[in-house]
Structure formats: structure tokens, C-alpha cells
Amino acid sequence: MNAPIGVIDSGVGGLTVAKEIMKLLPNEQIYYIGDNARCPYGPRPLSEVRTYTWQMANALMKKNIKMLVIACNTATAAALYSLQKHLPIPVIGVIFPGARAAIKSSTTKNIAVLGTLGTVQSGAYEKAILSLVSASHVVQLACPRFVPLVESDEYEGEFAHRIVQDTLATIAHEEFDTAILGCTHYPLLQGFIEEVLGDTVHVLSSAEETAKDVERYLSYKDQFAEWKQPPVHRFYTSGSTQIFGSIIQKWLGIEEPLIHSIRFPKT
């Protein structure tokens, strides 16, 4: 079925999910929206995040997508069930795939969740993990300084390393063998996070498991794309196209990405 897969995020973080989808399903076309102008979503009320998520979803529905991936943990917590109930296409979030990946990884079932304030306060990851293994012990930590680092394209230097070190010091006394990156921005800081947490902790994101869910659905419905030429992906941002383009080039390896500005109504 030659229709694009829609991917939405509060900013650039969802590119980590898009990257895994492109890697696993290279024949699929991606239409991506990053709401960079209103990022971060984490500190916002979930009702506001739900409104923003619906705005992005409606924008992509007009482009005839065949599936929607909410590549933002806060948006998944706020709007997944609403979108699944009302949209005529399948909608996949990142929280349950992330929880499933953490359970697969952990031998002790002591799991840390690093997320935005909104995701942590929603308790969505803890609920998902406990629904899989009720005896799990979940430690949650909000990391509000991580997303601005990534959005400003400052995630590779010593300043970013210090921010990660200071933030994770809060859970240094906790015991866990797996840490789930409960925000799709955080994999861009994964090297620093792994260094700070040490070799005994497996750090993972939901991106790979989410891509597998996309593949499973397309296989079940026999909706794989059949383009005769490599698909051309399209990217939309409500913020700076220059910063957005720079991160796409570095993270996805697309030399000249097709980037468009998008505006949403004020609420």
C-alpha cells in the first residue's frame, strides 16, 4: 500500500523512531512532523499536549497516511487512546513497546524510567511495565534539562555531559539493571547516559521495538509499500528549519532533506 507512515513528535526526538522504521522498512515513506516551536511538551498539562497531538495528527491525515506513530512519550501518555478511538487508521505509541523492551532486557526486573515531567507524572510507563510483570520495581526520574539540549543541537559536547551527570546523580543510590529512555529525544544523549550509569546498566530506547510493531501491523494487514523507486521522506516543523535540518542530516544521514514549515492554530 503506497501511502506514507505518519510520525509525530514534540520536536526532533521522534527522529530516533523514524530512523529505526527507515532501517527496518527501507521501502516505506515517512511523513514526519516535529512541533519544535512548542517543544518541550513535558512540562505542559496533558490536556494541552493532547490538543497539540491532535493538531499534528489532523495535519497528517490530510496527507492520506496509512498509519500514525506517536513518537513522543508525553504525547503517547496524553493522546494515544483518544487517537486510537477516533481515527480510522492504526495508531501506535512508544510507551508499551518501551516497557516491553525493558522487561525483555532486565534480569532483576528492577527498571529505571528516564522521562519528561509529563510522562513521569502520568505513570504510564510504570503501569505498562507492571502490566507485563507485576513484581517489577520501577524507579522514575524526570529529566527536564535533556530535551532543550537536543532541540538546541547541543547534545554532543562537555556541557551536555555535565547536565546528564548532574541529573542522574539523583538516582545513583538506586539499584536497577535496565534504564528505559522514556523520551525519544534522549537516545541522542545515550552515550553520556551509558557512561554515567555504568556497565552494569543496560540503557535502551523504545524506538527499535516501536519499529517492530509497525512492521508487524503492516505484515498482518498486507500493507507494505511497493514503490519502484526509493521513497522520498518529508519533514515538517513548526520551528527553525535550519536547526531541524542540521539534526536530520546528522542523525538520519539525509544530505538534502525535504523540510517544510508548518503552523498550528493558537489554542
C-alpha atoms as a PDB file:
ATOM      1  CA  MET A   1       0.000   0.000   0.000  1.00  0.00           C
ATOM      2  CA  ASN A   2       1.826   3.057  -1.282  1.00  0.00           C
ATOM      3  CA  ALA A   3       0.820   5.597   1.337  1.00  0.00           C
ATOM      4  CA  PRO A   4       3.146   7.259   3.868  1.00  0.00           C
ATOM      5  CA  ILE A   5       3.544   6.406   7.533  1.00  0.00           C
ATOM      6  CA  GLY A   6       2.970   9.468   9.690  1.00  0.00           C
ATOM      7  CA  VAL A   7       5.335  10.103  12.582  1.00  0.00           C
ATOM      8  CA  ILE A   8       4.753  12.939  15.072  1.00  0.00           C
ATOM      9  CA  ASP A   9       6.802  14.330  17.944  1.00  0.00           C
ATOM     10  CA  SER A  10       7.191  17.454  20.057  1.00  0.00           C
ATOM     11  CA  GLY A  11      10.410  18.160  18.153  1.00  0.00           C
ATOM     12  CA  VAL A  12      13.410  16.243  16.822  1.00  0.00           C
ATOM     13  CA  GLY A  13      13.301  13.355  19.306  1.00  0.00           C
ATOM     14  CA  GLY A  14      10.952  11.274  17.197  1.00  0.00           C
ATOM     15  CA  LEU A  15      13.635  11.110  14.522  1.00  0.00           C
ATOM     16  CA  THR A  16      15.127   8.308  16.631  1.00  0.00           C
ATOM     17  CA  VAL A  17      11.935   6.327  15.964  1.00  0.00           C
ATOM     18  CA  ALA A  18      11.806   7.351  12.301  1.00  0.00           C
ATOM     19  CA  LYS A  19      15.400   6.166  11.928  1.00  0.00           C
ATOM     20  CA  GLU A  20      14.537   2.679  13.182  1.00  0.00           C
ATOM     21  CA  ILE A  21      11.486   2.480  10.912  1.00  0.00           C
ATOM     22  CA  MET A  22      13.610   3.504   7.916  1.00  0.00           C
ATOM     23  CA  LYS A  23      16.235   0.921   8.850  1.00  0.00           C
ATOM     24  CA  LEU A  24      13.748  -1.923   9.319  1.00  0.00           C
ATOM     25  CA  LEU A  25      11.394  -0.912   6.484  1.00  0.00           C
ATOM     26  CA  PRO A  26      13.504   0.907   3.871  1.00  0.00           C
ATOM     27  CA  ASN A  27      10.727   0.826   1.288  1.00  0.00           C
ATOM     28  CA  GLU A  28       8.294   2.781   3.466  1.00  0.00           C
ATOM     29  CA  GLN A  29       7.810   6.523   3.083  1.00  0.00           C
ATOM     30  CA  ILE A  30       7.799   8.695   6.218  1.00  0.00           C
ATOM     31  CA  TYR A  31       5.946  11.970   6.717  1.00  0.00           C
ATOM     32  CA  TYR A  32       7.271  13.499   9.929  1.00  0.00           C
ATOM     33  CA  ILE A  33       6.039  16.454  11.979  1.00  0.00           C
ATOM     34  CA  GLY A  34       8.161  17.987  14.731  1.00  0.00           C
ATOM     35  CA  ASP A  35       6.357  20.617  16.795  1.00  0.00           C
ATOM     36  CA  ASN A  36       9.639  22.343  17.677  1.00  0.00           C
ATOM     37  CA  ALA A  37       8.059  25.752  18.287  1.00  0.00           C
ATOM     38  CA  ARG A  38       6.025  24.416  21.226  1.00  0.00           C
ATOM     39  CA  CYS A  39       8.631  21.960  22.495  1.00  0.00           C
ATOM     40  CA  PRO A  40       9.136  20.717  25.181  1.00  0.00           C
ATOM     41  CA  TYR A  41       5.814  19.025  25.873  1.00  0.00           C
ATOM     42  CA  GLY A  42       6.959  17.524  29.188  1.00  0.00           C
ATOM     43  CA  PRO A  43       6.145  20.487  31.480  1.00  0.00           C
ATOM     44  CA  ARG A  44       2.786  21.191  29.807  1.00  0.00           C
ATOM     45  CA  PRO A  45      -0.603  19.969  31.124  1.00  0.00           C
ATOM     46  CA  LEU A  46      -1.587  16.695  29.467  1.00  0.00           C
ATOM     47  CA  SER A  47      -4.800  18.301  28.194  1.00  0.00           C
ATOM     48  CA  GLU A  48      -2.732  20.842  26.265  1.00  0.00           C
ATOM     49  CA  VAL A  49      -0.422  18.120  24.933  1.00  0.00           C
ATOM     50  CA  ARG A  50      -3.488  16.190  23.783  1.00  0.00           C
ATOM     51  CA  THR A  51      -4.689  19.209  21.801  1.00  0.00           C
ATOM     52  CA  TYR A  52      -1.287  19.673  20.166  1.00  0.00           C
ATOM     53  CA  THR A  53      -1.061  15.978  19.314  1.00  0.00           C
ATOM     54  CA  TRP A  54      -4.468  16.050  17.660  1.00  0.00           C
ATOM     55  CA  GLN A  55      -3.408  19.083  15.604  1.00  0.00           C
ATOM     56  CA  MET A  56      -0.394  17.179  14.264  1.00  0.00           C
ATOM     57  CA  ALA A  57      -2.451  14.055  13.627  1.00  0.00           C
ATOM     58  CA  ASN A  58      -5.107  16.008  11.706  1.00  0.00           C
ATOM     59  CA  ALA A  59      -2.424  17.694   9.596  1.00  0.00           C
ATOM     60  CA  LEU A  60      -1.055  14.312   8.548  1.00  0.00           C
ATOM     61  CA  MET A  61      -4.487  12.782   7.998  1.00  0.00           C
ATOM     62  CA  LYS A  62      -4.941  15.367   5.229  1.00  0.00           C
ATOM     63  CA  LYS A  63      -1.883  13.831   3.553  1.00  0.00           C
ATOM     64  CA  ASN A  64      -3.501  10.380   3.403  1.00  0.00           C
ATOM     65  CA  ILE A  65      -1.201   8.494   5.757  1.00  0.00           C
ATOM     66  CA  LYS A  66      -1.886   4.783   6.311  1.00  0.00           C
ATOM     67  CA  MET A  67      -0.649   4.658   9.899  1.00  0.00           C
ATOM     68  CA  LEU A  68       0.260   7.111  12.654  1.00  0.00           C
ATOM     69  CA  VAL A  69       3.177   6.659  15.036  1.00  0.00           C
ATOM     70  CA  ILE A  70       3.194   8.921  18.102  1.00  0.00           C
ATOM     71  CA  ALA A  71       6.974   9.094  18.518  1.00  0.00           C
ATOM     72  CA  CYS A  72       6.734  11.129  21.713  1.00  0.00           C
ATOM     73  CA  ASN A  73       6.263   9.576  25.135  1.00  0.00           C
ATOM     74  CA  THR A  74       4.433  12.570  26.626  1.00  0.00           C
ATOM     75  CA  ALA A  75       2.076  12.735  23.638  1.00  0.00           C
ATOM     76  CA  THR A  76       1.536   8.970  23.836  1.00  0.00           C
ATOM     77  CA  ALA A  77       0.578   9.278  27.501  1.00  0.00           C
ATOM     78  CA  ALA A  78      -1.765  12.173  26.733  1.00  0.00           C
ATOM     79  CA  ALA A  79      -3.457  11.197  23.478  1.00  0.00           C
ATOM     80  CA  LEU A  80      -2.865   7.579  22.379  1.00  0.00           C
ATOM     81  CA  TYR A  81      -6.217   6.165  23.423  1.00  0.00           C
ATOM     82  CA  SER A  82      -8.144   9.174  22.132  1.00  0.00           C
ATOM     83  CA  LEU A  83      -6.495   8.912  18.713  1.00  0.00           C
ATOM     84  CA  GLN A  84      -6.903   5.136  18.557  1.00  0.00           C
ATOM     85  CA  LYS A  85     -10.597   5.505  19.326  1.00  0.00           C
ATOM     86  CA  HIS A  86     -11.398   8.223  16.796  1.00  0.00           C
ATOM     87  CA  LEU A  87      -9.007   7.883  13.846  1.00  0.00           C
ATOM     88  CA  PRO A  88      -9.832   5.442  11.020  1.00  0.00           C
ATOM     89  CA  ILE A  89      -6.188   4.276  10.764  1.00  0.00           C
ATOM     90  CA  PRO A  90      -3.977   2.366  13.210  1.00  0.00           C
ATOM     91  CA  VAL A  91      -2.178   4.485  15.811  1.00  0.00           C
ATOM     92  CA  ILE A  92       0.936   3.221  17.587  1.00  0.00           C
ATOM     93  CA  GLY A  93       2.564   4.813  20.619  1.00  0.00           C
ATOM     94  CA  VAL A  94       6.033   4.351  22.089  1.00  0.00           C
ATOM     95  CA  ILE A  95       5.335   3.589  25.753  1.00  0.00           C
ATOM     96  CA  PHE A  96       4.177  -0.030  25.610  1.00  0.00           C
ATOM     97  CA  PRO A  97       6.947  -1.047  23.151  1.00  0.00           C
ATOM     98  CA  GLY A  98       9.430   0.633  25.502  1.00  0.00           C
ATOM     99  CA  ALA A  99       8.051  -1.206  28.514  1.00  0.00           C
ATOM    100  CA  ARG A 100       8.183  -4.494  26.623  1.00  0.00           C
ATOM    101  CA  ALA A 101      11.806  -3.878  25.635  1.00  0.00           C
ATOM    102  CA  ALA A 102      12.732  -3.110  29.254  1.00  0.00           C
ATOM    103  CA  ILE A 103      11.129  -6.307  30.542  1.00  0.00           C
ATOM    104  CA  LYS A 104      12.960  -8.343  27.891  1.00  0.00           C
ATOM    105  CA  SER A 105      16.265  -6.743  28.879  1.00  0.00           C
ATOM    106  CA  SER A 106      16.045  -6.861  32.668  1.00  0.00           C
ATOM    107  CA  THR A 107      17.024  -9.936  34.650  1.00  0.00           C
ATOM    108  CA  THR A 108      16.211  -8.414  38.055  1.00  0.00           C
ATOM    109  CA  LYS A 109      13.047  -6.588  36.887  1.00  0.00           C
ATOM    110  CA  ASN A 110      14.395  -3.501  38.629  1.00  0.00           C
ATOM    111  CA  ILE A 111      13.925  -0.850  35.952  1.00  0.00           C
ATOM    112  CA  ALA A 112      14.582   2.883  35.815  1.00  0.00           C
ATOM    113  CA  VAL A 113      12.486   5.148  33.617  1.00  0.00           C
ATOM    114  CA  LEU A 114      14.092   8.407  32.496  1.00  0.00           C
ATOM    115  CA  GLY A 115      11.415  10.678  31.088  1.00  0.00           C
ATOM    116  CA  THR A 116       9.868  14.104  30.842  1.00  0.00           C
ATOM    117  CA  LEU A 117       7.922  15.535  33.748  1.00  0.00           C
ATOM    118  CA  GLY A 118       4.636  14.844  31.956  1.00  0.00           C
ATOM    119  CA  THR A 119       5.477  11.216  31.202  1.00  0.00           C
ATOM    120  CA  VAL A 120       6.702  10.536  34.743  1.00  0.00           C
ATOM    121  CA  GLN A 121       3.682  12.189  36.346  1.00  0.00           C
ATOM    122  CA  SER A 122       1.298  10.236  34.113  1.00  0.00           C
ATOM    123  CA  GLY A 123       2.665   6.954  35.483  1.00  0.00           C
ATOM    124  CA  ALA A 124       2.171   5.428  32.028  1.00  0.00           C
ATOM    125  CA  TYR A 125       5.484   3.568  31.944  1.00  0.00           C
ATOM    126  CA  GLU A 126       5.073   2.152  35.428  1.00  0.00           C
ATOM    127  CA  LYS A 127       1.568   0.935  34.575  1.00  0.00           C
ATOM    128  CA  ALA A 128       2.784  -0.641  31.320  1.00  0.00           C
ATOM    129  CA  ILE A 129       5.743  -2.371  32.979  1.00  0.00           C
ATOM    130  CA  LEU A 130       3.663  -3.686  35.888  1.00  0.00           C
ATOM    131  CA  SER A 131       1.005  -4.945  33.465  1.00  0.00           C
ATOM    132  CA  LEU A 132       3.697  -7.160  31.932  1.00  0.00           C
ATOM    133  CA  VAL A 133       5.411  -8.296  35.152  1.00  0.00           C
ATOM    134  CA  SER A 134       3.589  -7.267  38.314  1.00  0.00           C
ATOM    135  CA  ALA A 135       6.620  -7.956  40.533  1.00  0.00           C
ATOM    136  CA  SER A 136       8.747  -5.343  38.757  1.00  0.00           C
ATOM    137  CA  HIS A 137      10.233  -2.453  40.698  1.00  0.00           C
ATOM    138  CA  VAL A 138      10.176   0.830  38.788  1.00  0.00           C
ATOM    139  CA  VAL A 139      12.274   3.905  39.584  1.00  0.00           C
ATOM    140  CA  GLN A 140      11.213   7.050  37.715  1.00  0.00           C
ATOM    141  CA  LEU A 141      13.234  10.206  37.121  1.00  0.00           C
ATOM    142  CA  ALA A 142      12.129  13.345  35.308  1.00  0.00           C
ATOM    143  CA  CYS A 143      14.976  14.877  33.268  1.00  0.00           C
ATOM    144  CA  PRO A 144      13.636  18.283  32.163  1.00  0.00           C
ATOM    145  CA  ARG A 145      17.004  19.622  31.006  1.00  0.00           C
ATOM    146  CA  PHE A 146      17.585  16.886  28.409  1.00  0.00           C
ATOM    147  CA  VAL A 147      15.091  17.925  25.720  1.00  0.00           C
ATOM    148  CA  PRO A 148      16.313  21.556  25.419  1.00  0.00           C
ATOM    149  CA  LEU A 149      19.865  20.217  24.924  1.00  0.00           C
ATOM    150  CA  VAL A 150      18.766  18.117  21.975  1.00  0.00           C
ATOM    151  CA  GLU A 151      16.450  20.717  20.460  1.00  0.00           C
ATOM    152  CA  SER A 152      19.232  23.325  20.521  1.00  0.00           C
ATOM    153  CA  ASP A 153      21.646  20.875  18.836  1.00  0.00           C
ATOM    154  CA  GLU A 154      23.960  20.979  21.878  1.00  0.00           C
ATOM    155  CA  TYR A 155      23.799  17.300  22.777  1.00  0.00           C
ATOM    156  CA  GLU A 156      27.359  16.298  21.853  1.00  0.00           C
ATOM    157  CA  GLY A 157      29.651  18.489  23.986  1.00  0.00           C
ATOM    158  CA  GLU A 158      31.019  18.668  27.507  1.00  0.00           C
ATOM    159  CA  PHE A 159      28.146  20.889  28.636  1.00  0.00           C
ATOM    160  CA  ALA A 160      25.671  18.138  27.744  1.00  0.00           C
ATOM    161  CA  HIS A 161      27.812  15.578  29.577  1.00  0.00           C
ATOM    162  CA  ARG A 162      27.700  17.689  32.759  1.00  0.00           C
ATOM    163  CA  ILE A 163      23.934  18.094  32.539  1.00  0.00           C
ATOM    164  CA  VAL A 164      23.485  14.330  32.205  1.00  0.00           C
ATOM    165  CA  GLN A 165      25.858  13.677  35.111  1.00  0.00           C
ATOM    166  CA  ASP A 166      24.114  16.166  37.402  1.00  0.00           C
ATOM    167  CA  THR A 167      20.650  14.888  36.523  1.00  0.00           C
ATOM    168  CA  LEU A 168      21.385  11.178  37.001  1.00  0.00           C
ATOM    169  CA  ALA A 169      23.129  11.763  40.342  1.00  0.00           C
ATOM    170  CA  THR A 170      19.606  11.791  41.812  1.00  0.00           C
ATOM    171  CA  ILE A 171      19.208   8.032  41.295  1.00  0.00           C
ATOM    172  CA  ALA A 172      22.809   6.994  41.938  1.00  0.00           C
ATOM    173  CA  HIS A 173      21.745   5.165  45.128  1.00  0.00           C
ATOM    174  CA  GLU A 174      19.021   3.133  43.401  1.00  0.00           C
ATOM    175  CA  GLU A 175      19.507  -0.443  42.185  1.00  0.00           C
ATOM    176  CA  PHE A 176      18.402  -1.290  38.646  1.00  0.00           C
ATOM    177  CA  ASP A 177      19.886  -3.218  35.734  1.00  0.00           C
ATOM    178  CA  THR A 178      17.906  -1.581  32.919  1.00  0.00           C
ATOM    179  CA  ALA A 179      17.131   2.050  32.152  1.00  0.00           C
ATOM    180  CA  ILE A 180      14.498   2.891  29.587  1.00  0.00           C
ATOM    181  CA  LEU A 181      14.854   6.208  27.776  1.00  0.00           C
ATOM    182  CA  GLY A 182      11.281   7.338  28.242  1.00  0.00           C
ATOM    183  CA  CYS A 183      11.593  10.267  25.847  1.00  0.00           C
ATOM    184  CA  THR A 184      12.528   9.905  22.201  1.00  0.00           C
ATOM    185  CA  HIS A 185      14.937  12.846  22.483  1.00  0.00           C
ATOM    186  CA  TYR A 186      17.093  11.003  24.992  1.00  0.00           C
ATOM    187  CA  PRO A 187      18.789   8.484  22.634  1.00  0.00           C
ATOM    188  CA  LEU A 188      20.789  11.403  21.248  1.00  0.00           C
ATOM    189  CA  LEU A 189      22.311  11.607  24.738  1.00  0.00           C
ATOM    190  CA  GLN A 190      22.591   7.841  25.137  1.00  0.00           C
ATOM    191  CA  GLY A 191      26.394   7.733  25.090  1.00  0.00           C
ATOM    192  CA  PHE A 192      26.617  10.119  28.039  1.00  0.00           C
ATOM    193  CA  ILE A 193      23.795   8.335  29.878  1.00  0.00           C
ATOM    194  CA  GLU A 194      25.514   4.964  29.491  1.00  0.00           C
ATOM    195  CA  GLU A 195      28.808   6.408  30.683  1.00  0.00           C
ATOM    196  CA  VAL A 196      27.244   7.880  33.822  1.00  0.00           C
ATOM    197  CA  LEU A 197      25.118   4.836  34.708  1.00  0.00           C
ATOM    198  CA  GLY A 198      27.972   2.391  34.140  1.00  0.00           C
ATOM    199  CA  ASP A 199      28.471  -1.006  32.530  1.00  0.00           C
ATOM    200  CA  THR A 200      26.048  -2.868  34.810  1.00  0.00           C
ATOM    201  CA  VAL A 201      23.028  -0.981  33.453  1.00  0.00           C
ATOM    202  CA  HIS A 202      21.544  -1.690  30.027  1.00  0.00           C
ATOM    203  CA  VAL A 203      20.238   1.554  28.526  1.00  0.00           C
ATOM    204  CA  LEU A 204      17.601   1.209  25.811  1.00  0.00           C
ATOM    205  CA  SER A 205      15.011   3.206  23.941  1.00  0.00           C
ATOM    206  CA  SER A 206      11.575   2.308  22.634  1.00  0.00           C
ATOM    207  CA  ALA A 207      12.498   3.137  19.033  1.00  0.00           C
ATOM    208  CA  GLU A 208      13.502  -0.337  17.852  1.00  0.00           C
ATOM    209  CA  GLU A 209      10.525  -2.072  19.473  1.00  0.00           C
ATOM    210  CA  THR A 210       8.157   0.547  18.051  1.00  0.00           C
ATOM    211  CA  ALA A 211       9.535  -0.059  14.547  1.00  0.00           C
ATOM    212  CA  LYS A 212       8.906  -3.786  15.049  1.00  0.00           C
ATOM    213  CA  ASP A 213       5.282  -3.026  15.955  1.00  0.00           C
ATOM    214  CA  VAL A 214       4.955  -1.031  12.722  1.00  0.00           C
ATOM    215  CA  GLU A 215       6.368  -3.955  10.748  1.00  0.00           C
ATOM    216  CA  ARG A 216       4.059  -6.463  12.467  1.00  0.00           C
ATOM    217  CA  TYR A 217       0.965  -4.428  11.664  1.00  0.00           C
ATOM    218  CA  LEU A 218       1.885  -3.861   8.019  1.00  0.00           C
ATOM    219  CA  SER A 219       2.606  -7.577   7.644  1.00  0.00           C
ATOM    220  CA  TYR A 220      -0.674  -8.588   9.275  1.00  0.00           C
ATOM    221  CA  LYS A 221      -2.687  -6.235   7.056  1.00  0.00           C
ATOM    222  CA  ASP A 222      -0.514  -6.858   3.973  1.00  0.00           C
ATOM    223  CA  GLN A 223       0.057  -3.125   3.585  1.00  0.00           C
ATOM    224  CA  PHE A 224       3.768  -2.996   2.804  1.00  0.00           C
ATOM    225  CA  ALA A 225       4.674  -0.325   0.264  1.00  0.00           C
ATOM    226  CA  GLU A 226       5.664  -1.298  -3.261  1.00  0.00           C
ATOM    227  CA  TRP A 227       7.446   1.802  -4.537  1.00  0.00           C
ATOM    228  CA  LYS A 228       9.513   1.235  -7.682  1.00  0.00           C
ATOM    229  CA  GLN A 229      11.963   3.962  -6.582  1.00  0.00           C
ATOM    230  CA  PRO A 230      13.369   4.636  -3.091  1.00  0.00           C
ATOM    231  CA  PRO A 231      10.765   6.628  -1.145  1.00  0.00           C
ATOM    232  CA  VAL A 232      11.275  10.342  -0.532  1.00  0.00           C
ATOM    233  CA  HIS A 233      10.632  11.285   3.075  1.00  0.00           C
ATOM    234  CA  ARG A 234       9.076  14.621   4.026  1.00  0.00           C
ATOM    235  CA  PHE A 235       9.668  16.568   7.214  1.00  0.00           C
ATOM    236  CA  TYR A 236       7.566  19.360   8.696  1.00  0.00           C
ATOM    237  CA  THR A 237       8.500  21.634  11.586  1.00  0.00           C
ATOM    238  CA  SER A 238       6.766  24.448  13.419  1.00  0.00           C
ATOM    239  CA  GLY A 239      10.181  25.808  14.464  1.00  0.00           C
ATOM    240  CA  SER A 240      13.550  26.531  12.889  1.00  0.00           C
ATOM    241  CA  THR A 241      14.047  24.636   9.644  1.00  0.00           C
ATOM    242  CA  GLN A 242      17.805  25.243   9.884  1.00  0.00           C
ATOM    243  CA  ILE A 243      18.329  23.522  13.245  1.00  0.00           C
ATOM    244  CA  PHE A 244      15.805  20.834  12.287  1.00  0.00           C
ATOM    245  CA  GLY A 245      17.622  20.171   9.023  1.00  0.00           C
ATOM    246  CA  SER A 246      21.027  20.013  10.721  1.00  0.00           C
ATOM    247  CA  ILE A 247      19.853  17.300  13.121  1.00  0.00           C
ATOM    248  CA  ILE A 248      18.145  15.337  10.322  1.00  0.00           C
ATOM    249  CA  GLN A 249      21.383  15.373   8.335  1.00  0.00           C
ATOM    250  CA  LYS A 250      23.463  14.211  11.288  1.00  0.00           C
ATOM    251  CA  TRP A 251      21.046  11.691  12.738  1.00  0.00           C
ATOM    252  CA  LEU A 252      19.427  10.246   9.602  1.00  0.00           C
ATOM    253  CA  GLY A 253      22.219  10.815   7.096  1.00  0.00           C
ATOM    254  CA  ILE A 254      19.907  12.515   4.598  1.00  0.00           C
ATOM    255  CA  GLU A 255      22.020  15.133   2.838  1.00  0.00           C
ATOM    256  CA  GLU A 256      19.233  17.320   1.457  1.00  0.00           C
ATOM    257  CA  PRO A 257      16.078  16.558   3.457  1.00  0.00           C
ATOM    258  CA  LEU A 258      12.770  17.942   2.237  1.00  0.00           C
ATOM    259  CA  ILE A 259      11.760  20.238   5.085  1.00  0.00           C
ATOM    260  CA  HIS A 260       8.592  22.333   5.184  1.00  0.00           C
ATOM    261  CA  SER A 261       7.346  24.848   7.730  1.00  0.00           C
ATOM    262  CA  ILE A 262       4.012  24.117   9.352  1.00  0.00           C
ATOM    263  CA  ARG A 263       1.841  26.351  11.512  1.00  0.00           C
ATOM    264  CA  PHE A 264      -0.800  25.348  14.015  1.00  0.00           C
ATOM    265  CA  PRO A 265      -3.724  27.422  15.321  1.00  0.00           C
ATOM    266  CA  LYS A 266      -3.231  29.019  18.724  1.00  0.00           C
ATOM    267  CA  THR A 267      -5.293  27.466  21.488  1.00  0.00           C
END
